[in-house]
PDB file of N, CA and C in Angstrom:
ATOM      1  N   MET A   1       0.846  -1.186   0.000  1.00  0.00           N
ATOM      2  CA  MET A   1       0.000   0.000   0.000  1.00  0.00           C
ATOM      3  C   MET A   1       0.890   1.249   0.000  1.00  0.00           C
ATOM      4  N   THR A   2       0.543   2.216  -0.844  1.00  0.00           N
ATOM      5  CA  THR A   2       1.336   3.443  -0.921  1.00  0.00           C
ATOM      6  C   THR A   2       0.708   4.525  -0.068  1.00  0.00           C
ATOM      7  N   THR A   3       1.568   5.451   0.350  1.00  0.00           N
ATOM      8  CA  THR A   3       1.075   6.567   1.152  1.00  0.00           C
ATOM      9  C   THR A   3       0.534   7.642   0.215  1.00  0.00           C
ATOM     10  N   PRO A   4      -0.332   8.508   0.711  1.00  0.00           N
ATOM     11  CA  PRO A   4      -0.860   9.585  -0.130  1.00  0.00           C
ATOM     12  C   PRO A   4       0.254  10.484  -0.683  1.00  0.00           C
ATOM     13  N   ALA A   5       1.286  10.747   0.114  1.00  0.00           N
ATOM     14  CA  ALA A   5       2.381  11.609  -0.341  1.00  0.00           C
ATOM     15  C   ALA A   5       3.120  10.964  -1.503  1.00  0.00           C
ATOM     16  N   LEU A   6       3.374   9.666  -1.412  1.00  0.00           N
ATOM     17  CA  LEU A   6       4.076   8.953  -2.479  1.00  0.00           C
ATOM     18  C   LEU A   6       3.214   8.914  -3.735  1.00  0.00           C
ATOM     19  N   THR A   7       1.923   8.707  -3.588  1.00  0.00           N
ATOM     20  CA  THR A   7       1.013   8.708  -4.724  1.00  0.00           C
ATOM     21  C   THR A   7       1.026  10.068  -5.411  1.00  0.00           C
ATOM     22  N   TYR A   8       1.010  11.126  -4.612  1.00  0.00           N
ATOM     23  CA  TYR A   8       1.044  12.483  -5.165  1.00  0.00           C
ATOM     24  C   TYR A   8       2.337  12.706  -5.933  1.00  0.00           C
ATOM     25  N   GLU A   9       3.468  12.271  -5.390  1.00  0.00           N
ATOM     26  CA  GLU A   9       4.757  12.452  -6.047  1.00  0.00           C
ATOM     27  C   GLU A   9       4.804  11.702  -7.375  1.00  0.00           C
ATOM     28  N   ILE A  10       4.257  10.519  -7.406  1.00  0.00           N
ATOM     29  CA  ILE A  10       4.233   9.727  -8.641  1.00  0.00           C
ATOM     30  C   ILE A  10       3.357  10.413  -9.687  1.00  0.00           C
ATOM     31  N   LEU A  11       2.188  10.874  -9.280  1.00  0.00           N
ATOM     32  CA  LEU A  11       1.297  11.570 -10.209  1.00  0.00           C
ATOM     33  C   LEU A  11       1.918  12.875 -10.705  1.00  0.00           C
ATOM     34  N   ALA A  12       2.586  13.589  -9.815  1.00  0.00           N
ATOM     35  CA  ALA A  12       3.230  14.844 -10.202  1.00  0.00           C
ATOM     36  C   ALA A  12       4.352  14.588 -11.202  1.00  0.00           C
ATOM     37  N   ALA A  13       5.135  13.542 -10.976  1.00  0.00           N
ATOM     38  CA  ALA A  13       6.224  13.202 -11.897  1.00  0.00           C
ATOM     39  C   ALA A  13       5.669  12.811 -13.262  1.00  0.00           C
ATOM     40  N   ALA A  14       4.583  12.052 -13.278  1.00  0.00           N
ATOM     41  CA  ALA A  14       3.965  11.648 -14.544  1.00  0.00           C
ATOM     42  C   ALA A  14       3.418  12.864 -15.289  1.00  0.00           C
ATOM     43  N   ALA A  15       2.803  13.784 -14.578  1.00  0.00           N
ATOM     44  CA  ALA A  15       2.258  14.996 -15.198  1.00  0.00           C
ATOM     45  C   ALA A  15       3.385  15.858 -15.758  1.00  0.00           C
ATOM     46  N   GLU A  16       4.486  15.951 -15.028  1.00  0.00           N
ATOM     47  CA  GLU A  16       5.626  16.745 -15.503  1.00  0.00           C
ATOM     48  C   GLU A  16       6.214  16.135 -16.772  1.00  0.00           C
ATOM     49  N   GLU A  17       6.329  14.828 -16.806  1.00  0.00           N
ATOM     50  CA  GLU A  17       6.856  14.151 -17.998  1.00  0.00           C
ATOM     51  C   GLU A  17       5.921  14.345 -19.192  1.00  0.00           C
ATOM     52  N   GLU A  18       4.631  14.263 -18.963  1.00  0.00           N
ATOM     53  CA  GLU A  18       3.662  14.485 -20.043  1.00  0.00           C
ATOM     54  C   GLU A  18       3.749  15.916 -20.569  1.00  0.00           C
ATOM     55  N   SER A  19       3.890  16.882 -19.678  1.00  0.00           N
ATOM     56  CA  SER A  19       4.013  18.279 -20.074  1.00  0.00           C
ATOM     57  C   SER A  19       5.271  18.494 -20.907  1.00  0.00           C
ATOM     58  N   PHE A  20       6.380  17.902 -20.494  1.00  0.00           N
ATOM     59  CA  PHE A  20       7.633  18.020 -21.241  1.00  0.00           C
ATOM     60  C   PHE A  20       7.491  17.395 -22.622  1.00  0.00           C
ATOM     61  N   SER A  21       6.856  16.229 -22.683  1.00  0.00           N
ATOM     62  CA  SER A  21       6.666  15.539 -23.960  1.00  0.00           C
ATOM     63  C   SER A  21       5.808  16.373 -24.913  1.00  0.00           C
ATOM     64  N   LYS A  22       4.731  16.956 -24.412  1.00  0.00           N
ATOM     65  CA  LYS A  22       3.870  17.808 -25.243  1.00  0.00           C
ATOM     66  C   LYS A  22       4.643  19.016 -25.758  1.00  0.00           C
ATOM     67  N   SER A  23       5.448  19.621 -24.881  1.00  0.00           N
ATOM     68  CA  SER A  23       6.238  20.781 -25.258  1.00  0.00           C
ATOM     69  C   SER A  23       7.199  20.434 -26.394  1.00  0.00           C
ATOM     70  N   GLU A  24       7.880  19.304 -26.279  1.00  0.00           N
ATOM     71  CA  GLU A  24       8.817  18.875 -27.315  1.00  0.00           C
ATOM     72  C   GLU A  24       8.091  18.608 -28.633  1.00  0.00           C
ATOM     73  N   ASN A  25       6.934  17.988 -28.573  1.00  0.00           N
ATOM     74  CA  ASN A  25       6.157  17.712 -29.789  1.00  0.00           C
ATOM     75  C   ASN A  25       5.705  19.009 -30.461  1.00  0.00           C
ATOM     76  N   ILE A  26       5.309  19.985 -29.682  1.00  0.00           N
ATOM     77  CA  ILE A  26       4.892  21.272 -30.228  1.00  0.00           C
ATOM     78  C   ILE A  26       6.078  21.954 -30.907  1.00  0.00           C
ATOM     79  N   LYS A  27       7.241  21.938 -30.242  1.00  0.00           N
ATOM     80  CA  LYS A  27       8.446  22.537 -30.828  1.00  0.00           C
ATOM     81  C   LYS A  27       8.800  21.878 -32.154  1.00  0.00           C
ATOM     82  N   LEU A  28       8.744  20.548 -32.189  1.00  0.00           N
ATOM     83  CA  LEU A  28       9.044  19.823 -33.434  1.00  0.00           C
ATOM     84  C   LEU A  28       8.066  20.210 -34.536  1.00  0.00           C
ATOM     85  N   GLY A  29       6.801  20.340 -34.188  1.00  0.00           N
ATOM     86  CA  GLY A  29       5.791  20.722 -35.168  1.00  0.00           C
ATOM     87  C   GLY A  29       6.025  22.121 -35.717  1.00  0.00           C
ATOM     88  N   ILE A  30       6.389  23.046 -34.832  1.00  0.00           N
ATOM     89  CA  ILE A  30       6.665  24.422 -35.258  1.00  0.00           C
ATOM     90  C   ILE A  30       7.878  24.453 -36.182  1.00  0.00           C
ATOM     91  N   ARG A  31       8.933  23.725 -35.823  1.00  0.00           N
ATOM     92  CA  ARG A  31      10.139  23.683 -36.664  1.00  0.00           C
ATOM     93  C   ARG A  31       9.835  23.085 -38.031  1.00  0.00           C
ATOM     94  N   ALA A  32       9.064  21.996 -38.060  1.00  0.00           N
ATOM     95  CA  ALA A  32       8.708  21.362 -39.335  1.00  0.00           C
ATOM     96  C   ALA A  32       7.891  22.323 -40.198  1.00  0.00           C
ATOM     97  N   SER A  33       6.981  23.041 -39.584  1.00  0.00           N
ATOM     98  CA  SER A  33       6.159  24.016 -40.306  1.00  0.00           C
ATOM     99  C   SER A  33       7.026  25.133 -40.879  1.00  0.00           C
ATOM    100  N   MET A  34       8.005  25.594 -40.104  1.00  0.00           N
ATOM    101  CA  MET A  34       8.889  26.663 -40.573  1.00  0.00           C
ATOM    102  C   MET A  34       9.758  26.181 -41.736  1.00  0.00           C
ATOM    103  N   LYS A  35      10.206  24.932 -41.671  1.00  0.00           N
ATOM    104  CA  LYS A  35      11.011  24.389 -42.774  1.00  0.00           C
ATOM    105  C   LYS A  35      10.220  24.355 -44.077  1.00  0.00           C
ATOM    106  N   LYS A  36       8.907  24.210 -43.963  1.00  0.00           N
ATOM    107  CA  LYS A  36       8.041  24.209 -45.146  1.00  0.00           C
ATOM    108  C   LYS A  36       7.728  25.623 -45.616  1.00  0.00           C
ATOM    109  N   GLY A  37       8.184  26.620 -44.874  1.00  0.00           N
ATOM    110  CA  GLY A  37       7.942  28.008 -45.251  1.00  0.00           C
ATOM    111  C   GLY A  37       6.740  28.630 -44.588  1.00  0.00           C
ATOM    112  N   ASN A  38       6.117  27.917 -43.671  1.00  0.00           N
ATOM    113  CA  ASN A  38       4.955  28.449 -42.957  1.00  0.00           C
ATOM    114  C   ASN A  38       5.424  29.122 -41.674  1.00  0.00           C
ATOM    115  N   LEU A  39       5.057  30.360 -41.500  1.00  0.00           N
ATOM    116  CA  LEU A  39       5.423  31.093 -40.307  1.00  0.00           C
ATOM    117  C   LEU A  39       4.152  31.609 -39.658  1.00  0.00           C
ATOM    118  N   LYS A  40       3.978  31.298 -38.397  1.00  0.00           N
ATOM    119  CA  LYS A  40       2.786  31.750 -37.689  1.00  0.00           C
ATOM    120  C   LYS A  40       3.176  32.891 -36.755  1.00  0.00           C
ATOM    121  N   LEU A  41       2.547  34.014 -36.968  1.00  0.00           N
ATOM    122  CA  LEU A  41       2.786  35.177 -36.133  1.00  0.00           C
ATOM    123  C   LEU A  41       1.475  35.641 -35.530  1.00  0.00           C
ATOM    124  N   ASN A  42       1.555  36.086 -34.312  1.00  0.00           N
ATOM    125  CA  ASN A  42       0.373  36.654 -33.677  1.00  0.00           C
ATOM    126  C   ASN A  42       0.290  38.117 -34.103  1.00  0.00           C
ATOM    127  N   TYR A  43      -0.117  38.336 -35.344  1.00  0.00           N
ATOM    128  CA  TYR A  43      -0.120  39.679 -35.917  1.00  0.00           C
ATOM    129  C   TYR A  43      -1.084  40.616 -35.205  1.00  0.00           C
ATOM    130  N   SER A  44      -2.045  40.072 -34.488  1.00  0.00           N
ATOM    131  CA  SER A  44      -2.982  40.948 -33.778  1.00  0.00           C
ATOM    132  C   SER A  44      -2.272  41.699 -32.649  1.00  0.00           C
ATOM    133  N   GLN A  45      -1.122  41.195 -32.216  1.00  0.00           N
ATOM    134  CA  GLN A  45      -0.339  41.845 -31.171  1.00  0.00           C
ATOM    135  C   GLN A  45       0.827  42.643 -31.750  1.00  0.00           C
ATOM    136  N   PHE A  46       1.003  42.639 -33.075  1.00  0.00           N
ATOM    137  CA  PHE A  46       2.097  43.355 -33.734  1.00  0.00           C
ATOM    138  C   PHE A  46       1.692  44.802 -33.974  1.00  0.00           C
ATOM    139  N   LEU A  47       2.420  45.718 -33.408  1.00  0.00           N
ATOM    140  CA  LEU A  47       2.167  47.119 -33.678  1.00  0.00           C
ATOM    141  C   LEU A  47       2.768  47.445 -35.041  1.00  0.00           C
ATOM    142  N   GLY A  48       1.960  47.962 -35.934  1.00  0.00           N
ATOM    143  CA  GLY A  48       2.442  48.371 -37.243  1.00  0.00           C
ATOM    144  C   GLY A  48       2.141  47.405 -38.368  1.00  0.00           C
ATOM    145  N   TYR A  49       1.595  46.237 -38.049  1.00  0.00           N
ATOM    146  CA  TYR A  49       1.299  45.243 -39.077  1.00  0.00           C
ATOM    147  C   TYR A  49      -0.095  44.661 -38.902  1.00  0.00           C
ATOM    148  N   THR A  50      -0.650  44.187 -39.997  1.00  0.00           N
ATOM    149  CA  THR A  50      -1.886  43.413 -39.991  1.00  0.00           C
ATOM    150  C   THR A  50      -1.788  42.431 -41.152  1.00  0.00           C
ATOM    151  N   LYS A  51      -2.815  41.669 -41.393  1.00  0.00           N
ATOM    152  CA  LYS A  51      -2.836  40.740 -42.522  1.00  0.00           C
ATOM    153  C   LYS A  51      -3.900  41.174 -43.515  1.00  0.00           C
ATOM    154  N   ASP A  52      -3.610  40.951 -44.803  1.00  0.00           N
ATOM    155  CA  ASP A  52      -4.613  41.243 -45.822  1.00  0.00           C
ATOM    156  C   ASP A  52      -5.502  40.016 -46.027  1.00  0.00           C
ATOM    157  N   ILE A  53      -6.402  40.070 -46.997  1.00  0.00           N
ATOM    158  CA  ILE A  53      -7.353  38.966 -47.205  1.00  0.00           C
ATOM    159  C   ILE A  53      -6.671  37.687 -47.668  1.00  0.00           C
ATOM    160  N   HIS A  54      -5.420  37.792 -48.140  1.00  0.00           N
ATOM    161  CA  HIS A  54      -4.673  36.614 -48.586  1.00  0.00           C
ATOM    162  C   HIS A  54      -3.750  36.067 -47.498  1.00  0.00           C
ATOM    163  N   GLY A  55      -3.767  36.707 -46.348  1.00  0.00           N
ATOM    164  CA  GLY A  55      -2.942  36.241 -45.236  1.00  0.00           C
ATOM    165  C   GLY A  55      -1.532  36.807 -45.226  1.00  0.00           C
ATOM    166  N   ASN A  56      -1.249  37.791 -46.088  1.00  0.00           N
ATOM    167  CA  ASN A  56       0.075  38.403 -46.129  1.00  0.00           C
ATOM    168  C   ASN A  56       0.165  39.549 -45.129  1.00  0.00           C
ATOM    169  N   LEU A  57       1.343  39.683 -44.496  1.00  0.00           N
ATOM    170  CA  LEU A  57       1.551  40.810 -43.594  1.00  0.00           C
ATOM    171  C   LEU A  57       1.638  42.092 -44.391  1.00  0.00           C
ATOM    172  N   VAL A  58       0.950  43.104 -43.933  1.00  0.00           N
ATOM    173  CA  VAL A  58       1.008  44.420 -44.564  1.00  0.00           C
ATOM    174  C   VAL A  58       1.190  45.479 -43.474  1.00  0.00           C
ATOM    175  N   ILE A  59       1.857  46.552 -43.847  1.00  0.00           N
ATOM    176  CA  ILE A  59       2.127  47.642 -42.906  1.00  0.00           C
ATOM    177  C   ILE A  59       0.872  48.491 -42.724  1.00  0.00           C
ATOM    178  N   VAL A  60       0.606  48.861 -41.474  1.00  0.00           N
ATOM    179  CA  VAL A  60      -0.471  49.799 -41.144  1.00  0.00           C
ATOM    180  C   VAL A  60       0.204  51.161 -40.995  1.00  0.00           C
ATOM    181  N   PRO A  61       0.030  52.059 -41.967  1.00  0.00           N
ATOM    182  CA  PRO A  61       0.771  53.327 -41.971  1.00  0.00           C
ATOM    183  C   PRO A  61       0.652  54.150 -40.687  1.00  0.00           C
ATOM    184  N   GLU A  62      -0.535  54.231 -40.105  1.00  0.00           N
ATOM    185  CA  GLU A  62      -0.715  55.018 -38.888  1.00  0.00           C
ATOM    186  C   GLU A  62       0.110  54.444 -37.731  1.00  0.00           C
ATOM    187  N   GLU A  63       0.116  53.119 -37.617  1.00  0.00           N
ATOM    188  CA  GLU A  63       0.867  52.463 -36.549  1.00  0.00           C
ATOM    189  C   GLU A  63       2.364  52.470 -36.846  1.00  0.00           C
ATOM    190  N   ALA A  64       2.742  52.464 -38.123  1.00  0.00           N
ATOM    191  CA  ALA A  64       4.153  52.465 -38.501  1.00  0.00           C
ATOM    192  C   ALA A  64       4.844  53.729 -37.994  1.00  0.00           C
ATOM    193  N   LYS A  65       4.111  54.840 -37.944  1.00  0.00           N
ATOM    194  CA  LYS A  65       4.682  56.087 -37.413  1.00  0.00           C
ATOM    195  C   LYS A  65       5.114  55.890 -35.960  1.00  0.00           C
ATOM    196  N   THR A  66       4.283  55.199 -35.190  1.00  0.00           N
ATOM    197  CA  THR A  66       4.600  54.944 -33.784  1.00  0.00           C
ATOM    198  C   THR A  66       5.808  54.032 -33.662  1.00  0.00           C
ATOM    199  N   VAL A  67       5.873  53.005 -34.504  1.00  0.00           N
ATOM    200  CA  VAL A  67       7.002  52.071 -34.480  1.00  0.00           C
ATOM    201  C   VAL A  67       8.295  52.816 -34.811  1.00  0.00           C
ATOM    202  N   ARG A  68       8.264  53.665 -35.827  1.00  0.00           N
ATOM    203  CA  ARG A  68       9.455  54.449 -36.190  1.00  0.00           C
ATOM    204  C   ARG A  68       9.883  55.366 -35.043  1.00  0.00           C
ATOM    205  N   LEU A  69       8.917  55.981 -34.370  1.00  0.00           N
ATOM    206  CA  LEU A  69       9.221  56.845 -33.230  1.00  0.00           C
ATOM    207  C   LEU A  69       9.902  56.047 -32.117  1.00  0.00           C
ATOM    208  N   ILE A  70       9.387  54.867 -31.824  1.00  0.00           N
ATOM    209  CA  ILE A  70       9.974  54.011 -30.783  1.00  0.00           C
ATOM    210  C   ILE A  70      11.420  53.683 -31.125  1.00  0.00           C
ATOM    211  N   PHE A  71      11.676  53.281 -32.365  1.00  0.00           N
ATOM    212  CA  PHE A  71      13.042  52.956 -32.769  1.00  0.00           C
ATOM    213  C   PHE A  71      13.946  54.184 -32.734  1.00  0.00           C
ATOM    214  N   ASP A  72      13.446  55.325 -33.195  1.00  0.00           N
ATOM    215  CA  ASP A  72      14.243  56.557 -33.154  1.00  0.00           C
ATOM    216  C   ASP A  72      14.605  56.932 -31.720  1.00  0.00           C
ATOM    217  N   LEU A  73      13.659  56.847 -30.820  1.00  0.00           N
ATOM    218  CA  LEU A  73      13.926  57.149 -29.414  1.00  0.00           C
ATOM    219  C   LEU A  73      14.945  56.179 -28.825  1.00  0.00           C
ATOM    220  N   TYR A  74      14.840  54.903 -29.199  1.00  0.00           N
ATOM    221  CA  TYR A  74      15.804  53.911 -28.712  1.00  0.00           C
ATOM    222  C   TYR A  74      17.209  54.246 -29.205  1.00  0.00           C
ATOM    223  N   LEU A  75      17.320  54.587 -30.478  1.00  0.00           N
ATOM    224  CA  LEU A  75      18.628  54.926 -31.044  1.00  0.00           C
ATOM    225  C   LEU A  75      19.222  56.183 -30.412  1.00  0.00           C
ATOM    226  N   LYS A  76      18.370  57.031 -29.859  1.00  0.00           N
ATOM    227  CA  LYS A  76      18.836  58.242 -29.173  1.00  0.00           C
ATOM    228  C   LYS A  76      19.185  57.968 -27.710  1.00  0.00           C
ATOM    229  N   GLY A  77      19.055  56.713 -27.304  1.00  0.00           N
ATOM    230  CA  GLY A  77      19.456  56.356 -25.942  1.00  0.00           C
ATOM    231  C   GLY A  77      18.339  56.141 -24.952  1.00  0.00           C
ATOM    232  N   ASN A  78      17.100  56.308 -25.377  1.00  0.00           N
ATOM    233  CA  ASN A  78      15.978  56.078 -24.466  1.00  0.00           C
ATOM    234  C   ASN A  78      15.750  54.590 -24.276  1.00  0.00           C
ATOM    235  N   GLY A  79      15.339  54.227 -23.086  1.00  0.00           N
ATOM    236  CA  GLY A  79      15.021  52.832 -22.780  1.00  0.00           C
ATOM    237  C   GLY A  79      13.544  52.688 -22.473  1.00  0.00           C
ATOM    238  N   THR A  80      13.208  51.601 -21.846  1.00  0.00           N
ATOM    239  CA  THR A  80      11.807  51.349 -21.533  1.00  0.00           C
ATOM    240  C   THR A  80      11.304  52.216 -20.377  1.00  0.00           C
ATOM    241  N   ARG A  81      12.182  52.744 -19.605  1.00  0.00           N
ATOM    242  CA  ARG A  81      11.777  53.591 -18.477  1.00  0.00           C
ATOM    243  C   ARG A  81      11.687  55.014 -18.929  1.00  0.00           C
TER     244      ARG A  81
END
């Protein structure tokens, strides 16, 4: 008969191994997709870009001004603070 603590440790170890295995499989899938030329970007979080009806990234001119300002400020020595 096993103790509750030992049972918990065994279940936790199994869950950790499953999580690691899933992570590795996802990484392999992403790499294989990239080798085929498919790149997945979360463009909804990209400042300055969106996708057109064909799925191509296109520049959003209004947002591009902000992106250029951020880069210019960085080059002048400004940081995130």
